[in-house]
Amino acid sequence: MEDSFKLLEERVGKAAARLRELRSENETLRGELKAAATRAQKSEEAQRAAVARAEKAESERKAAAERAAAAERQATASATHGGDEVEELRRQSEQLRQRMLKLLQVLEKLD
């Protein structure tokens, strides 16, 4: 009977030791979990910040593209308008040349 109690006492002692080991391991794992959760949160915040920066950059790129397109339209309109002015000046120059020729003809007839 003495051996039975001793055997039982050993088993209880081993179970208690194992229980202490498991509690210690559990505490370690909880600490690691907390650290991992903190790292995950920081990572998510960094990702949100990166996405926000990317969206802002895309928005600025689109705005710059729109400004460039508007400037190109303005330049094209100015060039077209300038071309119209040149054509008008050529037309007026031709009219003046025609009038001068007529005046010369009239002057020749008078001589």
Protein backbone atom coordinates (compact mmCIF):
# COMPACT_ATOMS: atom_id res chain seq x y z
CA MET A 1 0.00 0.00 0.00
CA GLU A 2 2.90 2.25 0.80
CA ASP A 3 4.16 1.78 -2.73
CA SER A 4 0.77 2.77 -4.13
CA PHE A 5 0.80 6.03 -2.20
CA LYS A 6 4.35 6.71 -3.24
CA LEU A 7 3.46 6.00 -6.89
CA LEU A 8 0.39 8.23 -6.61
CA GLU A 9 2.46 10.92 -4.94
CA GLU A 10 4.98 10.73 -7.82
CA ARG A 11 2.28 11.00 -10.42
CA VAL A 12 0.66 13.96 -8.67
CA GLY A 13 4.09 15.61 -8.41
CA LYS A 14 4.73 15.01 -12.12
CA ALA A 15 1.27 16.33 -13.02
CA ALA A 16 1.83 19.44 -10.89
CA ALA A 17 5.24 19.99 -12.50
CA ARG A 18 3.72 19.56 -15.96
CA LEU A 19 0.93 21.95 -15.02
CA ARG A 20 3.52 24.57 -13.98
CA GLU A 21 5.37 24.04 -17.28
CA LEU A 22 2.17 24.44 -19.27
CA ARG A 23 1.24 27.62 -17.38
CA SER A 24 4.68 29.06 -18.03
CA GLU A 25 4.47 28.12 -21.70
CA ASN A 26 0.98 29.63 -21.85
CA GLU A 27 2.26 32.94 -20.42
CA THR A 28 5.11 32.96 -22.94
CA LEU A 29 2.71 32.31 -25.80
CA ARG A 30 0.36 35.06 -24.60
CA GLY A 31 3.29 37.50 -24.57
CA GLU A 32 4.28 36.46 -28.09
CA LEU A 33 0.67 36.83 -29.22
CA LYS A 34 0.48 40.34 -27.79
CA ALA A 35 3.75 41.31 -29.53
CA ALA A 36 2.54 39.81 -32.82
CA ALA A 37 -0.76 41.70 -32.54
CA THR A 38 1.14 44.95 -31.96
CA ARG A 39 3.34 44.28 -35.01
CA ALA A 40 0.27 43.44 -37.10
CA GLN A 41 -1.43 46.67 -36.04
CA LYS A 42 1.65 48.73 -36.93
CA SER A 43 1.88 46.93 -40.26
CA GLU A 44 -1.77 47.69 -41.03
CA GLU A 45 -1.27 51.36 -40.13
CA ALA A 46 1.78 51.53 -42.39
CA GLN A 47 -0.18 49.89 -45.19
CA ARG A 48 -3.06 52.37 -44.81
CA ALA A 49 -0.57 55.25 -44.88
CA ALA A 50 1.09 53.83 -48.00
CA VAL A 51 -2.28 53.44 -49.72
CA ALA A 52 -3.20 57.01 -48.79
CA ARG A 53 0.12 58.27 -50.21
CA ALA A 54 -0.41 56.27 -53.39
CA GLU A 55 -3.95 57.63 -53.79
CA LYS A 56 -2.71 61.18 -53.24
CA ALA A 57 0.09 60.68 -55.79
CA GLU A 58 -2.40 59.28 -58.31
CA SER A 59 -4.72 62.23 -57.72
CA GLU A 60 -1.85 64.67 -58.22
CA ARG A 61 -0.78 62.81 -61.37
CA LYS A 62 -4.30 63.04 -62.79
CA ALA A 63 -4.51 66.74 -61.94
CA ALA A 64 -1.14 67.35 -63.63
CA ALA A 65 -2.29 65.40 -66.69
CA GLU A 66 -5.47 67.48 -66.85
CA ARG A 67 -3.44 70.71 -66.55
CA ALA A 68 -1.09 69.52 -69.28
CA ALA A 69 -4.02 68.66 -71.55
CA ALA A 70 -5.61 72.05 -70.90
CA ALA A 71 -2.32 73.78 -71.67
CA GLU A 72 -2.01 71.78 -74.87
CA ARG A 73 -5.55 72.73 -75.89
CA GLN A 74 -4.75 76.35 -75.11
CA ALA A 75 -1.56 76.18 -77.19
CA THR A 76 -3.43 74.54 -80.06
CA ALA A 77 -6.14 77.19 -79.88
CA SER A 78 -3.53 79.94 -79.81
CA ALA A 79 -1.71 78.40 -82.77
CA THR A 80 -4.96 78.06 -84.69
CA HIS A 81 -5.91 81.61 -83.85
CA GLY A 82 -2.43 82.77 -84.84
CA GLY A 83 -2.79 80.88 -88.13
CA ASP A 84 -6.11 82.65 -88.73
CA GLU A 85 -4.45 85.99 -88.12
CA VAL A 86 -1.72 85.17 -90.63
CA GLU A 87 -4.32 84.20 -93.20
CA GLU A 88 -6.19 87.46 -92.57
CA LEU A 89 -2.97 89.46 -93.00
CA ARG A 90 -2.20 87.62 -96.25
CA ARG A 91 -5.69 88.34 -97.54
CA GLN A 92 -5.37 92.02 -96.66
CA SER A 93 -1.93 92.14 -98.26
CA GLU A 94 -3.33 90.64 -101.45
CA GLN A 95 -6.18 93.19 -101.46
CA LEU A 96 -3.67 96.01 -101.09
CA ARG A 97 -1.57 94.62 -103.92
CA GLN A 98 -4.65 94.41 -106.15
CA ARG A 99 -5.60 98.03 -105.35
CA MET A 100 -2.06 99.22 -106.03
CA LEU A 101 -2.09 97.46 -109.40
CA LYS A 102 -5.39 99.15 -110.28
CA LEU A 103 -3.99 102.54 -109.22
CA LEU A 104 -0.91 101.97 -111.36
CA GLN A 105 -3.11 101.09 -114.31
CA VAL A 106 -5.14 104.26 -113.80
CA LEU A 107 -1.93 106.34 -113.55
CA GLU A 108 -0.56 104.77 -116.76
CA LYS A 109 -3.76 105.68 -118.61
CA LEU A 110 -3.41 109.28 -117.44
CA ASP A 111 0.08 109.62 -118.88
